[in-house]
Amino acid sequence: MQIAINTAVLKSVHAMTEEEAGETIGQTRRVRINEDTLIEPERQKDEFTVEAPNLDDGLLFINLIDVHGASIADLAYDLKAGKFRRFESDTKPAASAKANPQADPGRDLGLALQIGNRTAVTTFLKHHPKGFYADLAKAQLEKIETEEAAAKKP
């Protein structure tokens, strides 16, 4: 099921002005649904859509995430009613503004690959030992080792 998030939603749920809602939509780079994996939304002008998990009813907790991995708005979507509700998180706004340094392994792997050496990739694997990005890092580490071995041969 596709869920559209636009300025009207943010204005009604968070009592934002049109300008604030537009800025929030513009700053959103990823969306987290029910504390699961980050999703890159399908973006249009002042709106984006996300694919919601297949659930019959209940609430979806949606976090809008900025480029730094920080939560910039929290929403709750009532699947049964088909509309957004106000969501009050248990954390204080100041605490939610702090990005979890391990929240985005894709970004971290990108930084490690930009450095491009064994130390950077090994450090990434210490912080993110499991999952898809860890598998990619392990493959990159094998490539680095192969290149180093080839360089040592006369």
N, C-alpha and C. Protein backbone atom coordinates (compact mmCIF):
# COMPACT_ATOMS: atom_id res chain seq x y z
N MET A 1 0.84 -1.17 0.00
CA MET A 1 0.00 0.00 0.00
C MET A 1 0.89 1.24 0.00
N GLN A 2 0.59 2.17 -0.86
CA GLN A 2 1.32 3.43 -0.94
C GLN A 2 0.71 4.46 0.02
N ILE A 3 1.56 5.14 0.76
CA ILE A 3 1.12 6.21 1.65
C ILE A 3 1.79 7.50 1.19
N ALA A 4 0.97 8.51 0.94
CA ALA A 4 1.48 9.81 0.51
C ALA A 4 1.68 10.71 1.73
N ILE A 5 2.84 11.33 1.79
CA ILE A 5 3.15 12.29 2.85
C ILE A 5 3.42 13.62 2.17
N ASN A 6 2.64 14.63 2.52
CA ASN A 6 2.76 15.93 1.86
C ASN A 6 2.64 17.05 2.88
N THR A 7 2.67 18.27 2.37
CA THR A 7 2.61 19.43 3.27
C THR A 7 1.29 19.47 4.04
N ALA A 8 0.19 19.05 3.43
CA ALA A 8 -1.10 19.05 4.12
C ALA A 8 -1.08 18.12 5.33
N VAL A 9 -0.43 16.97 5.19
CA VAL A 9 -0.32 16.03 6.32
C VAL A 9 0.46 16.68 7.46
N LEU A 10 1.61 17.25 7.13
CA LEU A 10 2.44 17.86 8.18
C LEU A 10 1.75 19.06 8.82
N LYS A 11 1.02 19.83 8.03
CA LYS A 11 0.30 20.97 8.59
C LYS A 11 -0.78 20.52 9.56
N SER A 12 -1.50 19.45 9.21
CA SER A 12 -2.59 19.01 10.08
C SER A 12 -2.10 18.25 11.30
N VAL A 13 -1.09 17.42 11.13
CA VAL A 13 -0.63 16.58 12.24
C VAL A 13 0.28 17.35 13.20
N HIS A 14 1.14 18.20 12.66
CA HIS A 14 2.11 18.91 13.50
C HIS A 14 1.84 20.41 13.61
N ALA A 15 0.73 20.87 13.08
CA ALA A 15 0.38 22.29 13.11
C ALA A 15 1.50 23.16 12.57
N MET A 16 2.12 22.71 11.48
CA MET A 16 3.18 23.48 10.83
C MET A 16 2.58 24.50 9.88
N THR A 17 3.34 25.54 9.60
CA THR A 17 2.95 26.47 8.55
C THR A 17 3.25 25.81 7.21
N GLU A 18 2.73 26.37 6.15
CA GLU A 18 3.01 25.85 4.80
C GLU A 18 4.51 25.85 4.54
N GLU A 19 5.19 26.92 4.95
CA GLU A 19 6.63 27.02 4.73
C GLU A 19 7.39 25.95 5.53
N GLU A 20 7.03 25.78 6.80
CA GLU A 20 7.69 24.75 7.62
C GLU A 20 7.47 23.35 7.06
N ALA A 21 6.24 23.08 6.64
CA ALA A 21 5.93 21.77 6.08
C ALA A 21 6.70 21.53 4.79
N GLY A 22 6.80 22.56 3.95
CA GLY A 22 7.57 22.44 2.71
C GLY A 22 9.04 22.19 2.98
N GLU A 23 9.60 22.87 3.98
CA GLU A 23 11.00 22.65 4.35
C GLU A 23 11.22 21.22 4.86
N THR A 24 10.29 20.74 5.67
CA THR A 24 10.41 19.38 6.20
C THR A 24 10.36 18.36 5.07
N ILE A 25 9.44 18.54 4.13
CA ILE A 25 9.36 17.64 2.97
C ILE A 25 10.67 17.71 2.19
N GLY A 26 11.19 18.92 1.98
CA GLY A 26 12.43 19.09 1.23
C GLY A 26 13.64 18.49 1.91
N GLN A 27 13.67 18.53 3.24
CA GLN A 27 14.81 18.00 4.00
C GLN A 27 14.76 16.48 4.16
N THR A 28 13.60 15.88 3.96
CA THR A 28 13.46 14.44 4.16
C THR A 28 14.18 13.69 3.05
N ARG A 29 15.10 12.82 3.47
CA ARG A 29 15.85 12.00 2.51
C ARG A 29 15.45 10.54 2.58
N ARG A 30 15.06 10.12 3.78
CA ARG A 30 14.66 8.73 3.97
C ARG A 30 13.51 8.69 4.97
N VAL A 31 12.85 7.54 4.99
CA VAL A 31 11.73 7.34 5.90
C VAL A 31 11.93 6.00 6.60
N ARG A 32 11.68 5.99 7.90
CA ARG A 32 11.75 4.74 8.66
C ARG A 32 10.33 4.41 9.11
N ILE A 33 9.88 3.19 8.82
CA ILE A 33 8.54 2.75 9.22
C ILE A 33 8.68 1.67 10.28
N ASN A 34 8.02 1.88 11.43
CA ASN A 34 8.02 0.92 12.55
C ASN A 34 9.42 0.50 12.95
N GLU A 35 10.35 1.44 13.00
CA GLU A 35 11.72 1.18 13.45
C GLU A 35 12.47 0.19 12.58
N ASP A 36 11.97 -0.04 11.36
CA ASP A 36 12.64 -0.98 10.45
C ASP A 36 13.61 -0.24 9.55
N THR A 37 14.02 -0.89 8.51
CA THR A 37 15.00 -0.37 7.58
C THR A 37 14.56 0.96 6.98
N LEU A 38 15.53 1.80 6.71
CA LEU A 38 15.26 3.08 6.07
C LEU A 38 14.83 2.86 4.63
N ILE A 39 13.86 3.65 4.19
CA ILE A 39 13.32 3.58 2.84
C ILE A 39 13.57 4.91 2.16
N GLU A 40 13.98 4.87 0.91
CA GLU A 40 14.10 6.11 0.13
C GLU A 40 12.74 6.36 -0.52
N PRO A 41 12.09 7.48 -0.20
CA PRO A 41 10.75 7.72 -0.72
C PRO A 41 10.76 8.10 -2.20
N GLU A 42 9.63 7.81 -2.86
CA GLU A 42 9.43 8.27 -4.23
C GLU A 42 8.98 9.72 -4.13
N ARG A 43 9.77 10.62 -4.67
CA ARG A 43 9.60 12.04 -4.45
C ARG A 43 8.93 12.74 -5.64
N GLN A 44 8.02 13.66 -5.28
CA GLN A 44 7.46 14.59 -6.24
C GLN A 44 7.65 15.97 -5.65
N LYS A 45 7.00 16.99 -6.20
CA LYS A 45 7.27 18.36 -5.78
C LYS A 45 7.16 18.56 -4.26
N ASP A 46 5.98 18.64 -3.72
CA ASP A 46 5.78 18.86 -2.29
C ASP A 46 5.20 17.62 -1.62
N GLU A 47 5.60 16.44 -2.13
CA GLU A 47 5.03 15.20 -1.62
C GLU A 47 5.97 14.05 -1.93
N PHE A 48 5.89 13.03 -1.13
CA PHE A 48 6.56 11.78 -1.47
C PHE A 48 5.69 10.64 -1.00
N THR A 49 5.91 9.48 -1.60
CA THR A 49 5.15 8.30 -1.22
C THR A 49 6.10 7.22 -0.74
N VAL A 50 5.60 6.40 0.17
CA VAL A 50 6.37 5.26 0.67
C VAL A 50 5.48 4.03 0.62
N GLU A 51 6.11 2.90 0.43
CA GLU A 51 5.40 1.62 0.44
C GLU A 51 5.28 1.15 1.88
N ALA A 52 4.05 0.99 2.33
CA ALA A 52 3.81 0.54 3.70
C ALA A 52 3.78 -0.98 3.76
N PRO A 53 4.17 -1.54 4.89
CA PRO A 53 4.08 -2.99 5.03
C PRO A 53 2.63 -3.46 4.97
N ASN A 54 2.43 -4.68 4.55
CA ASN A 54 1.10 -5.25 4.43
C ASN A 54 0.58 -5.69 5.80
N LEU A 55 -0.16 -4.83 6.45
CA LEU A 55 -0.78 -5.14 7.73
C LEU A 55 -2.26 -4.82 7.60
N ASP A 56 -3.10 -5.59 8.27
CA ASP A 56 -4.55 -5.36 8.17
C ASP A 56 -4.98 -4.10 8.90
N ASP A 57 -4.50 -3.94 10.11
CA ASP A 57 -4.85 -2.74 10.87
C ASP A 57 -3.75 -2.45 11.87
N GLY A 58 -3.94 -1.39 12.63
CA GLY A 58 -2.92 -0.97 13.58
C GLY A 58 -2.32 0.35 13.18
N LEU A 59 -1.25 0.71 13.85
CA LEU A 59 -0.58 1.97 13.57
C LEU A 59 0.78 1.71 12.94
N LEU A 60 1.12 2.53 11.98
CA LEU A 60 2.48 2.56 11.45
C LEU A 60 3.15 3.79 12.05
N PHE A 61 4.31 3.61 12.64
CA PHE A 61 5.07 4.73 13.17
C PHE A 61 6.09 5.12 12.12
N ILE A 62 6.00 6.35 11.65
CA ILE A 62 6.80 6.82 10.53
C ILE A 62 7.71 7.95 11.00
N ASN A 63 9.01 7.79 10.76
CA ASN A 63 9.99 8.83 11.08
C ASN A 63 10.52 9.39 9.78
N LEU A 64 10.49 10.70 9.63
CA LEU A 64 11.11 11.37 8.49
C LEU A 64 12.54 11.67 8.89
N ILE A 65 13.48 11.24 8.06
CA ILE A 65 14.90 11.31 8.38
C ILE A 65 15.61 12.26 7.42
N ASP A 66 16.47 13.14 7.95
CA ASP A 66 17.20 14.06 7.09
C ASP A 66 18.49 13.44 6.58
N VAL A 67 19.26 14.22 5.85
CA VAL A 67 20.49 13.75 5.21
C VAL A 67 21.53 13.28 6.23
N HIS A 68 21.46 13.77 7.46
CA HIS A 68 22.42 13.40 8.51
C HIS A 68 21.96 12.20 9.33
N GLY A 69 20.78 11.68 9.04
CA GLY A 69 20.26 10.53 9.78
C GLY A 69 19.44 10.90 10.99
N ALA A 70 19.17 12.20 11.16
CA ALA A 70 18.38 12.65 12.31
C ALA A 70 16.89 12.63 11.97
N SER A 71 16.09 12.31 12.96
CA SER A 71 14.64 12.33 12.79
C SER A 71 14.17 13.78 12.82
N ILE A 72 13.42 14.19 11.79
CA ILE A 72 12.95 15.58 11.75
C ILE A 72 11.45 15.69 11.98
N ALA A 73 10.72 14.58 11.86
CA ALA A 73 9.29 14.58 12.17
C ALA A 73 8.85 13.14 12.38
N ASP A 74 7.95 12.96 13.35
CA ASP A 74 7.38 11.65 13.62
C ASP A 74 5.90 11.69 13.29
N LEU A 75 5.42 10.64 12.64
CA LEU A 75 4.02 10.55 12.27
C LEU A 75 3.50 9.18 12.67
N ALA A 76 2.19 9.07 12.83
CA ALA A 76 1.53 7.78 13.04
C ALA A 76 0.43 7.68 12.00
N TYR A 77 0.38 6.54 11.30
CA TYR A 77 -0.64 6.33 10.27
C TYR A 77 -1.54 5.19 10.73
N ASP A 78 -2.83 5.48 10.86
CA ASP A 78 -3.82 4.49 11.28
C ASP A 78 -4.27 3.71 10.05
N LEU A 79 -3.85 2.45 9.96
CA LEU A 79 -4.17 1.64 8.79
C LEU A 79 -5.67 1.41 8.63
N LYS A 80 -6.37 1.21 9.73
CA LYS A 80 -7.80 0.95 9.66
C LYS A 80 -8.56 2.18 9.18
N ALA A 81 -8.23 3.35 9.73
CA ALA A 81 -8.91 4.59 9.35
C ALA A 81 -8.36 5.17 8.05
N GLY A 82 -7.14 4.78 7.69
CA GLY A 82 -6.53 5.31 6.47
C GLY A 82 -6.13 6.76 6.56
N LYS A 83 -5.73 7.20 7.77
CA LYS A 83 -5.32 8.60 7.90
C LYS A 83 -4.23 8.74 8.96
N PHE A 84 -3.59 9.90 8.91
CA PHE A 84 -2.51 10.20 9.86
C PHE A 84 -3.09 10.68 11.18
N ARG A 85 -2.37 10.38 12.25
CA ARG A 85 -2.70 10.86 13.58
C ARG A 85 -1.48 11.52 14.17
N ARG A 86 -1.71 12.33 15.16
CA ARG A 86 -0.60 12.95 15.87
C ARG A 86 0.12 11.86 16.67
N PHE A 87 1.44 11.92 16.67
CA PHE A 87 2.24 10.93 17.37
C PHE A 87 3.19 11.66 18.30
N GLU A 88 3.10 11.36 19.57
CA GLU A 88 4.01 11.94 20.56
C GLU A 88 5.02 10.88 20.93
N SER A 89 6.28 11.14 20.64
CA SER A 89 7.31 10.18 21.00
C SER A 89 7.66 10.34 22.47
N ASP A 90 8.26 9.30 23.04
CA ASP A 90 8.65 9.33 24.44
C ASP A 90 9.89 10.17 24.69
N THR A 91 10.65 10.44 23.62
CA THR A 91 11.89 11.18 23.79
C THR A 91 11.64 12.67 23.65
N LYS A 92 12.50 13.44 24.26
CA LYS A 92 12.42 14.89 24.13
C LYS A 92 12.92 15.28 22.75
N PRO A 93 12.42 16.38 22.16
CA PRO A 93 12.89 16.79 20.84
C PRO A 93 14.40 16.95 20.75
N ALA A 94 15.04 17.46 21.79
CA ALA A 94 16.49 17.65 21.74
C ALA A 94 17.20 16.31 21.62
N ALA A 95 16.69 15.29 22.28
CA ALA A 95 17.32 13.97 22.21
C ALA A 95 17.13 13.35 20.84
N SER A 96 15.96 13.56 20.22
CA SER A 96 15.72 12.95 18.92
C SER A 96 16.50 13.66 17.82
N ALA A 97 16.95 14.88 18.08
CA ALA A 97 17.71 15.60 17.06
C ALA A 97 19.13 15.05 16.92
N LYS A 98 19.61 14.34 17.94
CA LYS A 98 20.94 13.76 17.87
C LYS A 98 20.89 12.51 17.02
N ALA A 99 21.69 12.47 15.99
CA ALA A 99 21.70 11.31 15.10
C ALA A 99 22.45 10.16 15.74
N ASN A 100 21.93 8.97 15.57
CA ASN A 100 22.62 7.78 16.01
C ASN A 100 23.76 7.54 15.03
N PRO A 101 25.01 7.52 15.49
CA PRO A 101 26.13 7.39 14.56
C PRO A 101 26.14 6.08 13.81
N GLN A 102 25.38 5.08 14.28
CA GLN A 102 25.33 3.81 13.58
C GLN A 102 23.99 3.61 12.88
N ALA A 103 23.22 4.67 12.71
CA ALA A 103 21.88 4.54 12.15
C ALA A 103 21.87 4.24 10.66
N ASP A 104 22.91 4.60 9.95
CA ASP A 104 22.90 4.45 8.50
C ASP A 104 24.15 3.73 8.01
N PRO A 105 24.12 2.40 8.00
CA PRO A 105 25.31 1.67 7.56
C PRO A 105 25.66 1.94 6.09
N GLY A 106 24.67 2.26 5.27
CA GLY A 106 24.96 2.56 3.87
C GLY A 106 25.83 3.79 3.73
N ARG A 107 25.51 4.82 4.52
CA ARG A 107 26.33 6.03 4.51
C ARG A 107 27.72 5.73 5.03
N ASP A 108 27.79 4.96 6.12
CA ASP A 108 29.08 4.62 6.70
C ASP A 108 29.95 3.83 5.73
N LEU A 109 29.34 2.88 5.02
CA LEU A 109 30.10 2.10 4.04
C LEU A 109 30.59 3.02 2.92
N GLY A 110 29.75 3.94 2.49
CA GLY A 110 30.16 4.89 1.45
C GLY A 110 31.39 5.68 1.87
N LEU A 111 31.41 6.12 3.12
CA LEU A 111 32.58 6.86 3.61
C LEU A 111 33.81 5.97 3.66
N ALA A 112 33.64 4.72 4.11
CA ALA A 112 34.77 3.80 4.17
C ALA A 112 35.32 3.53 2.76
N LEU A 113 34.43 3.39 1.79
CA LEU A 113 34.87 3.12 0.42
C LEU A 113 35.52 4.34 -0.22
N GLN A 114 35.12 5.54 0.20
CA GLN A 114 35.78 6.74 -0.30
C GLN A 114 37.24 6.77 0.17
N ILE A 115 37.47 6.36 1.40
CA ILE A 115 38.85 6.27 1.89
C ILE A 115 39.56 5.16 1.15
N GLY A 116 38.90 4.02 1.01
CA GLY A 116 39.36 2.97 0.12
C GLY A 116 40.51 2.11 0.60
N ASN A 117 40.81 2.11 1.90
CA ASN A 117 41.90 1.23 2.34
C ASN A 117 41.37 0.19 3.33
N ARG A 118 42.25 -0.74 3.67
CA ARG A 118 41.90 -1.86 4.55
C ARG A 118 41.41 -1.36 5.92
N THR A 119 42.08 -0.36 6.48
CA THR A 119 41.72 0.15 7.80
C THR A 119 40.29 0.69 7.83
N ALA A 120 39.92 1.44 6.82
CA ALA A 120 38.57 2.03 6.77
C ALA A 120 37.50 0.94 6.69
N VAL A 121 37.73 -0.05 5.83
CA VAL A 121 36.74 -1.12 5.66
C VAL A 121 36.68 -1.99 6.92
N THR A 122 37.82 -2.27 7.53
CA THR A 122 37.85 -3.06 8.76
C THR A 122 37.13 -2.32 9.89
N THR A 123 37.33 -1.02 9.98
CA THR A 123 36.64 -0.22 10.99
C THR A 123 35.14 -0.26 10.78
N PHE A 124 34.71 -0.15 9.51
CA PHE A 124 33.28 -0.26 9.21
C PHE A 124 32.73 -1.59 9.72
N LEU A 125 33.46 -2.68 9.46
CA LEU A 125 32.99 -4.01 9.86
C LEU A 125 32.93 -4.17 11.39
N LYS A 126 33.78 -3.46 12.11
CA LYS A 126 33.72 -3.51 13.58
C LYS A 126 32.41 -2.90 14.08
N HIS A 127 31.96 -1.83 13.40
CA HIS A 127 30.74 -1.15 13.82
C HIS A 127 29.48 -1.77 13.24
N HIS A 128 29.58 -2.41 12.08
CA HIS A 128 28.43 -3.02 11.40
C HIS A 128 28.81 -4.43 10.97
N PRO A 129 28.87 -5.38 11.91
CA PRO A 129 29.38 -6.72 11.58
C PRO A 129 28.43 -7.61 10.80
N LYS A 130 27.14 -7.27 10.73
CA LYS A 130 26.17 -8.14 10.06
C LYS A 130 25.32 -7.34 9.08
N GLY A 131 24.76 -8.06 8.12
CA GLY A 131 23.81 -7.46 7.20
C GLY A 131 24.37 -7.28 5.80
N PHE A 132 23.54 -6.71 4.96
CA PHE A 132 23.86 -6.52 3.55
C PHE A 132 25.12 -5.69 3.36
N TYR A 133 25.20 -4.55 4.05
CA TYR A 133 26.35 -3.67 3.89
C TYR A 133 27.63 -4.32 4.42
N ALA A 134 27.51 -5.13 5.47
CA ALA A 134 28.68 -5.86 5.97
C ALA A 134 29.17 -6.84 4.91
N ASP A 135 28.25 -7.50 4.21
CA ASP A 135 28.64 -8.42 3.14
C ASP A 135 29.37 -7.68 2.02
N LEU A 136 28.88 -6.49 1.69
CA LEU A 136 29.56 -5.68 0.66
C LEU A 136 30.95 -5.28 1.13
N ALA A 137 31.06 -4.90 2.39
CA ALA A 137 32.37 -4.50 2.93
C ALA A 137 33.34 -5.67 2.92
N LYS A 138 32.85 -6.87 3.24
CA LYS A 138 33.71 -8.05 3.22
C LYS A 138 34.20 -8.33 1.80
N ALA A 139 33.32 -8.14 0.82
CA ALA A 139 33.73 -8.33 -0.58
C ALA A 139 34.79 -7.30 -0.96
N GLN A 140 34.62 -6.06 -0.51
CA GLN A 140 35.61 -5.01 -0.79
C GLN A 140 36.94 -5.34 -0.12
N LEU A 141 36.88 -5.87 1.08
CA LEU A 141 38.09 -6.25 1.80
C LEU A 141 38.83 -7.36 1.04
N GLU A 142 38.09 -8.33 0.51
CA GLU A 142 38.71 -9.39 -0.30
C GLU A 142 39.39 -8.79 -1.54
N LYS A 143 38.72 -7.81 -2.15
CA LYS A 143 39.29 -7.16 -3.33
C LYS A 143 40.59 -6.44 -2.97
N ILE A 144 40.59 -5.73 -1.86
CA ILE A 144 41.80 -5.02 -1.41
C ILE A 144 42.93 -6.02 -1.16
N GLU A 145 42.60 -7.13 -0.50
CA GLU A 145 43.62 -8.15 -0.22
C GLU A 145 44.17 -8.75 -1.50
N THR A 146 43.31 -9.00 -2.48
CA THR A 146 43.75 -9.53 -3.78
C THR A 146 44.68 -8.55 -4.48
N GLU A 147 44.31 -7.26 -4.45
CA GLU A 147 45.14 -6.23 -5.09
C GLU A 147 46.49 -6.10 -4.38
N GLU A 148 46.48 -6.19 -3.05
CA GLU A 148 47.74 -6.11 -2.30
C GLU A 148 48.63 -7.31 -2.61
N ALA A 149 48.04 -8.49 -2.71
CA ALA A 149 48.81 -9.70 -3.02
C ALA A 149 49.40 -9.62 -4.43
N ALA A 150 48.62 -9.09 -5.37
CA ALA A 150 49.10 -8.95 -6.75
C ALA A 150 50.22 -7.93 -6.83
N ALA A 151 50.15 -6.89 -6.02
CA ALA A 151 51.19 -5.85 -6.03
C ALA A 151 52.51 -6.37 -5.45
N LYS A 152 52.44 -7.35 -4.55
CA LYS A 152 53.65 -7.90 -3.93
C LYS A 152 54.39 -8.87 -4.85
N LYS A 153 53.67 -9.44 -5.82
CA LYS A 153 54.31 -10.40 -6.73
C LYS A 153 55.25 -9.66 -7.68
N PRO A 154 56.43 -10.26 -7.95
CA PRO A 154 57.40 -9.58 -8.84
C PRO A 154 56.99 -9.58 -10.28
